[in-house]
C-alpha atoms as a PDB file:
ATOM      1  CA  UNK A   1     120.582 103.588 115.191  1.00  0.00           C
ATOM      2  CA  UNK A   2     120.548 107.147 113.844  1.00  0.00           C
ATOM      3  CA  UNK A   3     123.682 109.196 113.078  1.00  0.00           C
ATOM      4  CA  UNK A   4     123.213 111.315 116.212  1.00  0.00           C
ATOM      5  CA  UNK A   5     122.810 108.192 118.355  1.00  0.00           C
ATOM      6  CA  UNK A   6     125.974 106.671 116.860  1.00  0.00           C
ATOM      7  CA  UNK A   7     127.982 109.837 117.513  1.00  0.00           C
ATOM      8  CA  UNK A   8     126.906 109.884 121.160  1.00  0.00           C
ATOM      9  CA  UNK A   9     127.642 106.184 121.498  1.00  0.00           C
ATOM     10  CA  UNK A  10     131.153 106.661 120.065  1.00  0.00           C
ATOM     11  CA  UNK A  11     131.675 109.593 122.439  1.00  0.00           C
ATOM     12  CA  UNK A  12     130.573 107.511 125.451  1.00  0.00           C
ATOM     13  CA  UNK A  13     132.808 104.592 124.500  1.00  0.00           C
ATOM     14  CA  UNK A  14     135.914 106.732 123.977  1.00  0.00           C
ATOM     15  CA  UNK A  15     135.285 109.055 126.927  1.00  0.00           C
ATOM     16  CA  UNK A  16     135.420 106.340 129.552  1.00  0.00           C
ATOM     17  CA  UNK A  17     138.248 104.209 128.160  1.00  0.00           C
ATOM     18  CA  UNK A  18     141.982 104.408 127.593  1.00  0.00           C
ATOM     19  CA  UNK A  19     141.381 103.082 124.068  1.00  0.00           C
ATOM     20  CA  UNK A  20     138.693 101.141 122.200  1.00  0.00           C
ATOM     21  CA  UNK A  21     139.551  98.535 119.507  1.00  0.00           C
ATOM     22  CA  UNK A  22     137.982  98.912 116.078  1.00  0.00           C
ATOM     23  CA  UNK A  23     136.254  95.520 116.399  1.00  0.00           C
ATOM     24  CA  UNK A  24     134.539  96.600 119.622  1.00  0.00           C
ATOM     25  CA  UNK A  25     133.298  99.851 118.091  1.00  0.00           C
ATOM     26  CA  UNK A  26     131.851  97.950 115.125  1.00  0.00           C
ATOM     27  CA  UNK A  27     130.198  95.406 117.431  1.00  0.00           C
ATOM     28  CA  UNK A  28     128.708  97.949 119.865  1.00  0.00           C
ATOM     29  CA  UNK A  29     127.426 100.195 117.077  1.00  0.00           C
ATOM     30  CA  UNK A  30     126.275  97.399 114.757  1.00  0.00           C
ATOM     31  CA  UNK A  31     127.648  99.141 111.653  1.00  0.00           C
ATOM     32  CA  UNK A  32     130.132  98.464 108.855  1.00  0.00           C
ATOM     33  CA  UNK A  33     133.757  99.649 108.775  1.00  0.00           C
ATOM     34  CA  UNK A  34     132.981 102.152 106.008  1.00  0.00           C
ATOM     35  CA  UNK A  35     130.186 103.704 108.117  1.00  0.00           C
ATOM     36  CA  UNK A  36     132.446 103.903 111.168  1.00  0.00           C
ATOM     37  CA  UNK A  37     135.149 105.636 109.103  1.00  0.00           C
ATOM     38  CA  UNK A  38     132.610 108.221 107.900  1.00  0.00           C
ATOM     39  CA  UNK A  39     131.349 108.806 111.463  1.00  0.00           C
ATOM     40  CA  UNK A  40     134.860 109.260 112.854  1.00  0.00           C
ATOM     41  CA  UNK A  41     135.772 111.625 110.003  1.00  0.00           C
ATOM     42  CA  UNK A  42     132.612 113.657 110.653  1.00  0.00           C
ATOM     43  CA  UNK A  43     133.395 113.927 114.362  1.00  0.00           C
ATOM     44  CA  UNK A  44     136.994 114.992 113.662  1.00  0.00           C
ATOM     45  CA  UNK A  45     136.352 117.361 110.753  1.00  0.00           C
ATOM     46  CA  UNK A  46     133.025 118.949 111.713  1.00  0.00           C
ATOM     47  CA  UNK A  47     133.044 118.705 115.515  1.00  0.00           C
ATOM     48  CA  UNK A  48     136.779 118.973 116.161  1.00  0.00           C
ATOM     49  CA  UNK A  49     136.805 115.698 118.099  1.00  0.00           C
ATOM     50  CA  UNK A  50     140.418 114.872 119.142  1.00  0.00           C
ATOM     51  CA  UNK A  51     140.114 111.231 118.017  1.00  0.00           C
ATOM     52  CA  UNK A  52     143.335 109.404 117.190  1.00  0.00           C
ATOM     53  CA  UNK A  53     144.270 105.821 116.472  1.00  0.00           C
ATOM     54  CA  UNK A  54     146.887 104.679 118.975  1.00  0.00           C
ATOM     55  CA  UNK A  55     149.091 102.040 117.341  1.00  0.00           C
ATOM     56  CA  UNK A  56     150.643 101.014 120.668  1.00  0.00           C
ATOM     57  CA  UNK A  57     147.234 100.394 122.252  1.00  0.00           C
ATOM     58  CA  UNK A  58     145.726  99.156 118.989  1.00  0.00           C
ATOM     59  CA  UNK A  59     142.582 101.225 119.432  1.00  0.00           C
ATOM     60  CA  UNK A  60     140.920 104.622 119.105  1.00  0.00           C
ATOM     61  CA  UNK A  61     141.065 107.195 121.899  1.00  0.00           C
ATOM     62  CA  UNK A  62     140.634 110.893 122.672  1.00  0.00           C
ATOM     63  CA  UNK A  63     143.920 112.778 122.559  1.00  0.00           C
ATOM     64  CA  UNK A  64     143.352 115.140 125.489  1.00  0.00           C
ATOM     65  CA  UNK A  65     147.042 115.991 125.960  1.00  0.00           C
ATOM     66  CA  UNK A  66     147.768 117.760 122.664  1.00  0.00           C
ATOM     67  CA  UNK A  67     147.251 121.570 122.714  1.00  0.00           C
ATOM     68  CA  UNK A  68     143.915 122.786 121.349  1.00  0.00           C
ATOM     69  CA  UNK A  69     144.185 124.599 118.041  1.00  0.00           C
ATOM     70  CA  UNK A  70     141.113 126.293 116.605  1.00  0.00           C
ATOM     71  CA  UNK A  71     137.535 125.568 117.749  1.00  0.00           C
ATOM     72  CA  UNK A  72     137.045 123.221 120.704  1.00  0.00           C
ATOM     73  CA  UNK A  73     135.355 119.840 120.441  1.00  0.00           C
ATOM     74  CA  UNK A  74     131.600 120.077 120.951  1.00  0.00           C
ATOM     75  CA  UNK A  75     128.847 117.516 120.542  1.00  0.00           C
ATOM     76  CA  UNK A  76     125.685 118.466 118.625  1.00  0.00           C
ATOM     77  CA  UNK A  77     122.468 119.078 120.572  1.00  0.00           C
ATOM     78  CA  UNK A  78     121.120 115.880 122.093  1.00  0.00           C
ATOM     79  CA  UNK A  79     117.738 114.578 120.996  1.00  0.00           C
ATOM     80  CA  UNK A  80     116.047 111.786 122.895  1.00  0.00           C
ATOM     81  CA  UNK A  81     113.706 109.219 121.412  1.00  0.00           C
ATOM     82  CA  UNK A  82     109.952 109.776 121.893  1.00  0.00           C
ATOM     83  CA  UNK A  83     109.814 107.192 124.694  1.00  0.00           C
ATOM     84  CA  UNK A  84     112.839 108.694 126.470  1.00  0.00           C
ATOM     85  CA  UNK A  85     111.468 112.244 126.294  1.00  0.00           C
ATOM     86  CA  UNK A  86     108.083 111.096 127.633  1.00  0.00           C
ATOM     87  CA  UNK A  87     109.693 109.132 130.482  1.00  0.00           C
ATOM     88  CA  UNK A  88     112.070 111.941 131.498  1.00  0.00           C
ATOM     89  CA  UNK A  89     109.474 114.713 131.385  1.00  0.00           C
ATOM     90  CA  UNK A  90     106.834 112.589 133.134  1.00  0.00           C
ATOM     91  CA  UNK A  91     109.258 111.776 135.946  1.00  0.00           C
ATOM     92  CA  UNK A  92     110.245 115.440 136.167  1.00  0.00           C
ATOM     93  CA  UNK A  93     106.570 116.424 136.356  1.00  0.00           C
ATOM     94  CA  UNK A  94     105.820 113.815 139.057  1.00  0.00           C
ATOM     95  CA  UNK A  95     108.787 114.751 141.230  1.00  0.00           C
ATOM     96  CA  UNK A  96     108.204 118.487 140.802  1.00  0.00           C
ATOM     97  CA  UNK A  97     104.661 118.117 142.123  1.00  0.00           C
ATOM     98  CA  UNK A  98     105.532 115.855 145.050  1.00  0.00           C
ATOM     99  CA  UNK A  99     105.518 117.170 148.605  1.00  0.00           C
ATOM    100  CA  UNK A 100     109.179 118.082 149.238  1.00  0.00           C
ATOM    101  CA  UNK A 101     108.563 118.027 153.008  1.00  0.00           C
ATOM    102  CA  UNK A 102     107.384 114.413 153.003  1.00  0.00           C
ATOM    103  CA  UNK A 103     109.323 111.222 153.629  1.00  0.00           C
ATOM    104  CA  UNK A 104     110.750 111.289 150.091  1.00  0.00           C
ATOM    105  CA  UNK A 105     111.657 114.974 150.258  1.00  0.00           C
ATOM    106  CA  UNK A 106     115.382 114.489 150.831  1.00  0.00           C
ATOM    107  CA  UNK A 107     115.519 112.048 147.909  1.00  0.00           C
ATOM    108  CA  UNK A 108     113.399 114.084 145.481  1.00  0.00           C
ATOM    109  CA  UNK A 109     115.744 117.080 145.280  1.00  0.00           C
ATOM    110  CA  UNK A 110     118.820 115.140 144.066  1.00  0.00           C
ATOM    111  CA  UNK A 111     116.627 113.132 141.677  1.00  0.00           C
ATOM    112  CA  UNK A 112     115.231 116.359 140.242  1.00  0.00           C
ATOM    113  CA  UNK A 113     118.778 117.652 139.832  1.00  0.00           C
ATOM    114  CA  UNK A 114     119.767 114.505 137.916  1.00  0.00           C
ATOM    115  CA  UNK A 115     116.676 114.693 135.699  1.00  0.00           C
ATOM    116  CA  UNK A 116     117.296 118.370 135.009  1.00  0.00           C
ATOM    117  CA  UNK A 117     120.880 117.544 134.067  1.00  0.00           C
ATOM    118  CA  UNK A 118     119.679 114.808 131.691  1.00  0.00           C
ATOM    119  CA  UNK A 119     117.141 117.130 130.084  1.00  0.00           C
ATOM    120  CA  UNK A 120     119.882 119.695 129.626  1.00  0.00           C
ATOM    121  CA  UNK A 121     122.478 117.250 128.327  1.00  0.00           C
ATOM    122  CA  UNK A 122     124.779 118.104 125.429  1.00  0.00           C
ATOM    123  CA  UNK A 123     124.337 121.886 125.410  1.00  0.00           C
ATOM    124  CA  UNK A 124     120.530 121.875 125.450  1.00  0.00           C
ATOM    125  CA  UNK A 125     119.456 124.030 128.391  1.00  0.00           C
ATOM    126  CA  UNK A 126     116.965 122.156 130.566  1.00  0.00           C
ATOM    127  CA  UNK A 127     114.703 125.212 130.681  1.00  0.00           C
ATOM    128  CA  UNK A 128     114.631 125.305 126.875  1.00  0.00           C
ATOM    129  CA  UNK A 129     113.764 121.603 126.656  1.00  0.00           C
ATOM    130  CA  UNK A 130     110.931 122.022 129.160  1.00  0.00           C
ATOM    131  CA  UNK A 131     109.702 125.149 127.373  1.00  0.00           C
ATOM    132  CA  UNK A 132     109.561 123.449 123.976  1.00  0.00           C
ATOM    133  CA  UNK A 133     108.285 120.016 125.041  1.00  0.00           C
ATOM    134  CA  UNK A 134     105.311 119.612 127.377  1.00  0.00           C
ATOM    135  CA  UNK A 135     103.705 116.588 129.010  1.00  0.00           C
ATOM    136  CA  UNK A 136     100.012 117.454 129.398  1.00  0.00           C
ATOM    137  CA  UNK A 137      98.343 115.788 132.371  1.00  0.00           C
ATOM    138  CA  UNK A 138      94.584 116.011 131.792  1.00  0.00           C
ATOM    139  CA  UNK A 139      92.071 114.829 134.374  1.00  0.00           C
ATOM    140  CA  UNK A 140      94.576 114.308 137.178  1.00  0.00           C
ATOM    141  CA  UNK A 141      93.161 114.218 140.696  1.00  0.00           C
ATOM    142  CA  UNK A 142      94.859 115.641 143.771  1.00  0.00           C
ATOM    143  CA  UNK A 143      96.631 112.941 145.739  1.00  0.00           C
ATOM    144  CA  UNK A 144      97.139 113.160 149.543  1.00  0.00           C
ATOM    145  CA  UNK A 145     100.937 112.661 149.875  1.00  0.00           C
ATOM    146  CA  UNK A 146     100.644 111.117 153.329  1.00  0.00           C
ATOM    147  CA  UNK A 147      98.263 108.369 152.194  1.00  0.00           C
ATOM    148  CA  UNK A 148     100.451 107.633 149.182  1.00  0.00           C
ATOM    149  CA  UNK A 149     103.497 107.237 151.420  1.00  0.00           C
ATOM    150  CA  UNK A 150     101.672 104.867 153.787  1.00  0.00           C
ATOM    151  CA  UNK A 151     100.386 102.742 150.897  1.00  0.00           C
ATOM    152  CA  UNK A 152     103.830 102.668 149.281  1.00  0.00           C
ATOM    153  CA  UNK A 153     105.512 101.683 152.561  1.00  0.00           C
ATOM    154  CA  UNK A 154     103.043  98.836 153.171  1.00  0.00           C
ATOM    155  CA  UNK A 155     103.424  97.668 149.572  1.00  0.00           C
ATOM    156  CA  UNK A 156     107.224  97.441 149.754  1.00  0.00           C
ATOM    157  CA  UNK A 157     107.283  95.951 153.266  1.00  0.00           C
ATOM    158  CA  UNK A 158     104.568  93.415 152.360  1.00  0.00           C
ATOM    159  CA  UNK A 159     102.139  94.480 155.092  1.00  0.00           C
ATOM    160  CA  UNK A 160      98.351  94.708 155.021  1.00  0.00           C
ATOM    161  CA  UNK A 161      96.582  98.050 155.253  1.00  0.00           C
ATOM    162  CA  UNK A 162      93.255  99.095 156.768  1.00  0.00           C
ATOM    163  CA  UNK A 163      91.648 101.938 154.871  1.00  0.00           C
ATOM    164  CA  UNK A 164      88.485 103.993 154.677  1.00  0.00           C
ATOM    165  CA  UNK A 165      87.689 103.989 150.971  1.00  0.00           C
ATOM    166  CA  UNK A 166      85.308 106.357 149.209  1.00  0.00           C
ATOM    167  CA  UNK A 167      83.445 104.867 146.248  1.00  0.00           C
ATOM    168  CA  UNK A 168      82.397 107.564 143.800  1.00  0.00           C
ATOM    169  CA  UNK A 169      79.878 105.276 142.116  1.00  0.00           C
ATOM    170  CA  UNK A 170      77.939 104.470 145.327  1.00  0.00           C
ATOM    171  CA  UNK A 171      78.888 107.702 147.125  1.00  0.00           C
ATOM    172  CA  UNK A 172      79.724 105.661 150.240  1.00  0.00           C
ATOM    173  CA  UNK A 173      82.754 105.123 152.458  1.00  0.00           C
ATOM    174  CA  UNK A 174      83.563 101.551 153.453  1.00  0.00           C
ATOM    175  CA  UNK A 175      86.368 100.095 155.538  1.00  0.00           C
ATOM    176  CA  UNK A 176      88.626  97.649 153.704  1.00  0.00           C
ATOM    177  CA  UNK A 177      91.479  95.441 154.848  1.00  0.00           C
ATOM    178  CA  UNK A 178      93.690  94.786 151.844  1.00  0.00           C
ATOM    179  CA  UNK A 179      96.995  93.214 150.847  1.00  0.00           C
ATOM    180  CA  UNK A 180      98.695  95.687 148.448  1.00  0.00           C
ATOM    181  CA  UNK A 181     100.119  94.065 145.289  1.00  0.00           C
ATOM    182  CA  UNK A 182     101.268  96.897 143.020  1.00  0.00           C
ATOM    183  CA  UNK A 183     100.835 100.624 142.297  1.00  0.00           C
ATOM    184  CA  UNK A 184      99.900 101.690 138.764  1.00  0.00           C
ATOM    185  CA  UNK A 185     100.173 105.176 137.247  1.00  0.00           C
ATOM    186  CA  UNK A 186      97.394 105.293 134.664  1.00  0.00           C
ATOM    187  CA  UNK A 187      96.229 108.342 132.700  1.00  0.00           C
ATOM    188  CA  UNK A 188      97.625 110.795 135.220  1.00  0.00           C
ATOM    189  CA  UNK A 189      96.340 109.076 138.367  1.00  0.00           C
ATOM    190  CA  UNK A 190      97.556 106.410 140.800  1.00  0.00           C
ATOM    191  CA  UNK A 191      95.754 103.112 141.391  1.00  0.00           C
ATOM    192  CA  UNK A 192      96.423 100.312 143.856  1.00  0.00           C
ATOM    193  CA  UNK A 193      95.929  96.687 142.830  1.00  0.00           C
ATOM    194  CA  UNK A 194      95.227  94.786 146.033  1.00  0.00           C
ATOM    195  CA  UNK A 195      93.648  91.671 147.492  1.00  0.00           C
ATOM    196  CA  UNK A 196      90.511  92.786 149.327  1.00  0.00           C
ATOM    197  CA  UNK A 197      89.975  90.559 152.379  1.00  0.00           C
ATOM    198  CA  UNK A 198      86.405  91.835 152.734  1.00  0.00           C
ATOM    199  CA  UNK A 199      85.401  90.812 149.196  1.00  0.00           C
ATOM    200  CA  UNK A 200      87.886  87.907 149.126  1.00  0.00           C
ATOM    201  CA  UNK A 201      88.965  88.977 145.643  1.00  0.00           C
ATOM    202  CA  UNK A 202      91.341  91.233 143.701  1.00  0.00           C
ATOM    203  CA  UNK A 203      90.353  94.884 143.339  1.00  0.00           C
ATOM    204  CA  UNK A 204      91.757  98.137 141.925  1.00  0.00           C
ATOM    205  CA  UNK A 205      91.468 101.188 144.165  1.00  0.00           C
ATOM    206  CA  UNK A 206      91.957 104.864 143.281  1.00  0.00           C
ATOM    207  CA  UNK A 207      94.626 106.033 145.711  1.00  0.00           C
ATOM    208  CA  UNK A 208      93.113 109.534 145.800  1.00  0.00           C
ATOM    209  CA  UNK A 209      89.856 107.981 147.123  1.00  0.00           C
ATOM    210  CA  UNK A 210      91.572 106.589 150.230  1.00  0.00           C
ATOM    211  CA  UNK A 211      90.401 108.837 153.065  1.00  0.00           C
ATOM    212  CA  UNK A 212      92.306 107.223 155.917  1.00  0.00           C
ATOM    213  CA  UNK A 213      94.866 104.431 155.937  1.00  0.00           C
ATOM    214  CA  UNK A 214      97.005 102.595 158.476  1.00  0.00           C
ATOM    215  CA  UNK A 215      99.527  99.777 158.243  1.00  0.00           C
ATOM    216  CA  UNK A 216      98.605  96.558 160.054  1.00  0.00           C
ATOM    217  CA  UNK A 217     101.105  94.196 161.626  1.00  0.00           C
ATOM    218  CA  UNK A 218      99.868  91.411 159.380  1.00  0.00           C
ATOM    219  CA  UNK A 219     101.742  89.837 156.512  1.00  0.00           C
ATOM    220  CA  UNK A 220     100.252  90.742 153.131  1.00  0.00           C
ATOM    221  CA  UNK A 221      98.922  87.987 150.938  1.00  0.00           C
ATOM    222  CA  UNK A 222     101.026  87.656 147.783  1.00  0.00           C
ATOM    223  CA  UNK A 223      99.318  87.158 144.430  1.00  0.00           C
ATOM    224  CA  UNK A 224     101.473  86.019 141.466  1.00  0.00           C
ATOM    225  CA  UNK A 225     101.987  88.615 138.717  1.00  0.00           C
ATOM    226  CA  UNK A 226     100.414  86.384 136.062  1.00  0.00           C
ATOM    227  CA  UNK A 227      97.278  86.112 138.206  1.00  0.00           C
ATOM    228  CA  UNK A 228      97.133  89.902 138.579  1.00  0.00           C
ATOM    229  CA  UNK A 229      97.464  90.352 134.815  1.00  0.00           C
ATOM    230  CA  UNK A 230      94.929  87.618 134.120  1.00  0.00           C
ATOM    231  CA  UNK A 231      92.245  89.238 136.279  1.00  0.00           C
ATOM    232  CA  UNK A 232      93.054  92.967 136.407  1.00  0.00           C
ATOM    233  CA  UNK A 233      94.760  93.369 133.041  1.00  0.00           C
ATOM    234  CA  UNK A 234      92.616  91.154 130.845  1.00  0.00           C
ATOM    235  CA  UNK A 235      90.107  93.789 129.755  1.00  0.00           C
ATOM    236  CA  UNK A 236      90.082  97.403 128.610  1.00  0.00           C
ATOM    237  CA  UNK A 237      90.857 100.101 131.177  1.00  0.00           C
ATOM    238  CA  UNK A 238      92.062 100.164 134.744  1.00  0.00           C
ATOM    239  CA  UNK A 239      89.038  98.442 136.326  1.00  0.00           C
ATOM    240  CA  UNK A 240      88.916  94.973 134.824  1.00  0.00           C
ATOM    241  CA  UNK A 241      87.678  91.579 136.014  1.00  0.00           C
ATOM    242  CA  UNK A 242      87.474  87.854 135.389  1.00  0.00           C
ATOM    243  CA  UNK A 243      84.534  87.826 132.971  1.00  0.00           C
ATOM    244  CA  UNK A 244      85.840  89.053 129.624  1.00  0.00           C
ATOM    245  CA  UNK A 245      83.723  89.983 126.612  1.00  0.00           C
ATOM    246  CA  UNK A 246      84.688  91.444 123.244  1.00  0.00           C
ATOM    247  CA  UNK A 247      83.431  94.767 121.907  1.00  0.00           C
ATOM    248  CA  UNK A 248      83.408  95.400 118.152  1.00  0.00           C
ATOM    249  CA  UNK A 249      83.758  99.054 117.185  1.00  0.00           C
ATOM    250  CA  UNK A 250      83.638 100.379 113.625  1.00  0.00           C
ATOM    251  CA  UNK A 251      85.267 103.766 113.029  1.00  0.00           C
ATOM    252  CA  UNK A 252      84.633 105.992 110.018  1.00  0.00           C
ATOM    253  CA  UNK A 253      87.452 106.350 107.450  1.00  0.00           C
ATOM    254  CA  UNK A 254      88.360 109.746 108.950  1.00  0.00           C
ATOM    255  CA  UNK A 255      88.744 108.408 112.521  1.00  0.00           C
ATOM    256  CA  UNK A 256      90.461 105.302 111.177  1.00  0.00           C
ATOM    257  CA  UNK A 257      93.511 107.404 110.345  1.00  0.00           C
ATOM    258  CA  UNK A 258      94.103 107.845 114.088  1.00  0.00           C
ATOM    259  CA  UNK A 259      92.595 104.738 115.676  1.00  0.00           C
ATOM    260  CA  UNK A 260      94.416 102.276 113.406  1.00  0.00           C
ATOM    261  CA  UNK A 261      97.738 103.282 115.001  1.00  0.00           C
ATOM    262  CA  UNK A 262      96.471 103.346 118.614  1.00  0.00           C
ATOM    263  CA  UNK A 263      96.750 100.609 121.211  1.00  0.00           C
ATOM    264  CA  UNK A 264      93.613 100.267 123.287  1.00  0.00           C
ATOM    265  CA  UNK A 265      94.617  96.870 124.652  1.00  0.00           C
ATOM    266  CA  UNK A 266      97.580  94.490 124.087  1.00  0.00           C
ATOM    267  CA  UNK A 267      95.212  91.781 122.776  1.00  0.00           C
ATOM    268  CA  UNK A 268      93.118  93.976 120.488  1.00  0.00           C
ATOM    269  CA  UNK A 269      92.321  92.952 116.904  1.00  0.00           C
ATOM    270  CA  UNK A 270      91.965  95.485 114.121  1.00  0.00           C
ATOM    271  CA  UNK A 271      91.415  95.521 110.360  1.00  0.00           C
ATOM    272  CA  UNK A 272      90.468  97.923 107.605  1.00  0.00           C
ATOM    273  CA  UNK A 273      87.143  97.280 105.870  1.00  0.00           C
ATOM    274  CA  UNK A 274      86.565  97.640 102.136  1.00  0.00           C
ATOM    275  CA  UNK A 275      84.943 101.069 102.511  1.00  0.00           C
ATOM    276  CA  UNK A 276      87.941 102.479 104.411  1.00  0.00           C
ATOM    277  CA  UNK A 277      86.379 102.094 107.844  1.00  0.00           C
ATOM    278  CA  UNK A 278      88.363 100.474 110.645  1.00  0.00           C
ATOM    279  CA  UNK A 279      87.021  97.614 112.738  1.00  0.00           C
ATOM    280  CA  UNK A 280      88.515  97.331 116.216  1.00  0.00           C
ATOM    281  CA  UNK A 281      87.791  94.427 118.569  1.00  0.00           C
ATOM    282  CA  UNK A 282      88.667  95.060 122.219  1.00  0.00           C
ATOM    283  CA  UNK A 283      88.315  92.793 125.279  1.00  0.00           C
ATOM    284  CA  UNK A 284      86.512  94.358 128.242  1.00  0.00           C
ATOM    285  CA  UNK A 285      85.044  93.405 131.581  1.00  0.00           C
ATOM    286  CA  UNK A 286      83.373  96.553 132.882  1.00  0.00           C
ATOM    287  CA  UNK A 287      81.749  98.662 130.202  1.00  0.00           C
ATOM    288  CA  UNK A 288      81.850 102.042 131.968  1.00  0.00           C
ATOM    289  CA  UNK A 289      85.335 103.160 130.938  1.00  0.00           C
ATOM    290  CA  UNK A 290      85.045 101.655 127.453  1.00  0.00           C
ATOM    291  CA  UNK A 291      81.761 103.481 126.925  1.00  0.00           C
ATOM    292  CA  UNK A 292      83.367 106.794 127.913  1.00  0.00           C
ATOM    293  CA  UNK A 293      86.134 106.184 125.372  1.00  0.00           C
ATOM    294  CA  UNK A 294      83.643 105.304 122.614  1.00  0.00           C
ATOM    295  CA  UNK A 295      81.450 108.362 123.218  1.00  0.00           C
ATOM    296  CA  UNK A 296      84.515 110.542 122.784  1.00  0.00           C
ATOM    297  CA  UNK A 297      84.380 109.822 119.041  1.00  0.00           C
ATOM    298  CA  UNK A 298      80.760 110.911 118.649  1.00  0.00           C
ATOM    299  CA  UNK A 299      79.317 110.091 115.197  1.00  0.00           C
ATOM    300  CA  UNK A 300      82.665 108.714 113.992  1.00  0.00           C
ATOM    301  CA  UNK A 301      82.202 105.339 115.689  1.00  0.00           C
ATOM    302  CA  UNK A 302      79.496 102.693 115.974  1.00  0.00           C
ATOM    303  CA  UNK A 303      79.303  99.803 118.449  1.00  0.00           C
ATOM    304  CA  UNK A 304      78.247  96.748 116.442  1.00  0.00           C
ATOM    305  CA  UNK A 305      78.707  94.049 119.117  1.00  0.00           C
ATOM    306  CA  UNK A 306      77.730  92.875 121.627  1.00  0.00           C
ATOM    307  CA  UNK A 307      74.098  93.902 121.351  1.00  0.00           C
ATOM    308  CA  UNK A 308      73.700  94.964 124.988  1.00  0.00           C
ATOM    309  CA  UNK A 309      76.719  97.287 124.752  1.00  0.00           C
ATOM    310  CA  UNK A 310      75.243  98.840 121.594  1.00  0.00           C
ATOM    311  CA  UNK A 311      71.920  99.369 123.414  1.00  0.00           C
ATOM    312  CA  UNK A 312      73.712 100.887 126.401  1.00  0.00           C
ATOM    313  CA  UNK A 313      75.508 103.279 124.043  1.00  0.00           C
ATOM    314  CA  UNK A 314      72.201 104.326 122.434  1.00  0.00           C
ATOM    315  CA  UNK A 315      70.661 104.878 125.887  1.00  0.00           C
ATOM    316  CA  UNK A 316      73.599 107.014 126.975  1.00  0.00           C
ATOM    317  CA  UNK A 317      73.356 109.137 123.812  1.00  0.00           C
ATOM    318  CA  UNK A 318      69.607 109.511 124.364  1.00  0.00           C
ATOM    319  CA  UNK A 319      70.151 110.664 127.943  1.00  0.00           C
ATOM    320  CA  UNK A 320      72.803 113.125 126.747  1.00  0.00           C
ATOM    321  CA  UNK A 321      70.332 114.590 124.255  1.00  0.00           C
ATOM    322  CA  UNK A 322      67.811 115.203 127.022  1.00  0.00           C
ATOM    323  CA  UNK A 323      70.266 117.637 128.621  1.00  0.00           C
ATOM    324  CA  UNK A 324      69.831 119.901 125.585  1.00  0.00           C
ATOM    325  CA  UNK A 325      66.035 119.699 125.196  1.00  0.00           C
END
């Protein structure tokens, strides 16, 4: 826990209590008595925190009753962790772009107010936080709010849905009766994991590709979470499957500086080679999305296994070259 985090934790503990024993402060903060003494002294001397030790209550508290002399108590600017900043700004972005006239409209406004207050906590203006820190959403597709609401309602009420679904790969619209299992926000877009009663199997559907949807008065079929993860989360990317293979990718020493710290899949295996290159082994089911990710690195990566994936990569590069002949 950093110094800033400890100061805010001490503030939270003292703010909401009549007094807090020394032992509890040490336990909650996970620090030594000498560190706590330094933190309390810093808060009192540098931030004018009205912290006193109350002998009657045998604990520390804020002395709010004594008259203020000199500068008032003020916390330093709040900094969130990387995960917290990403979560807060992503939620703010999602809510800001939702249809405020939809079913969730009355709930979105107060949520946005709370998020804005969090982003502007401890004297950091929310507008300044949003100006200085951006969450870039690249490749997002427009989502029909009405369809999203219907899907979400069926999902939570455990009902089946009947939908007209547009497949971009086949350029066809088919009618599907599905049992929704879970919604996933992946790389800026929403996907629905569902049991497809037409295919009698689990499938992932792009919510933005649903052209028409209605809720059926039929109970949805429930699939255990471990089964969903086993089939839909076993391989690389959003569209996975039962048959898993392993791709071996070798990145040049330059690309290795980035790729070595990236997570492509929870079960990936990586190691540095003697020449500084980085070998990454990733499980996959459908090669399309993996191939797109590999081609992104151009000459800085080589597919070494399996052989058919390497050949498919060569073919794709050859077809790309034809566009420039």
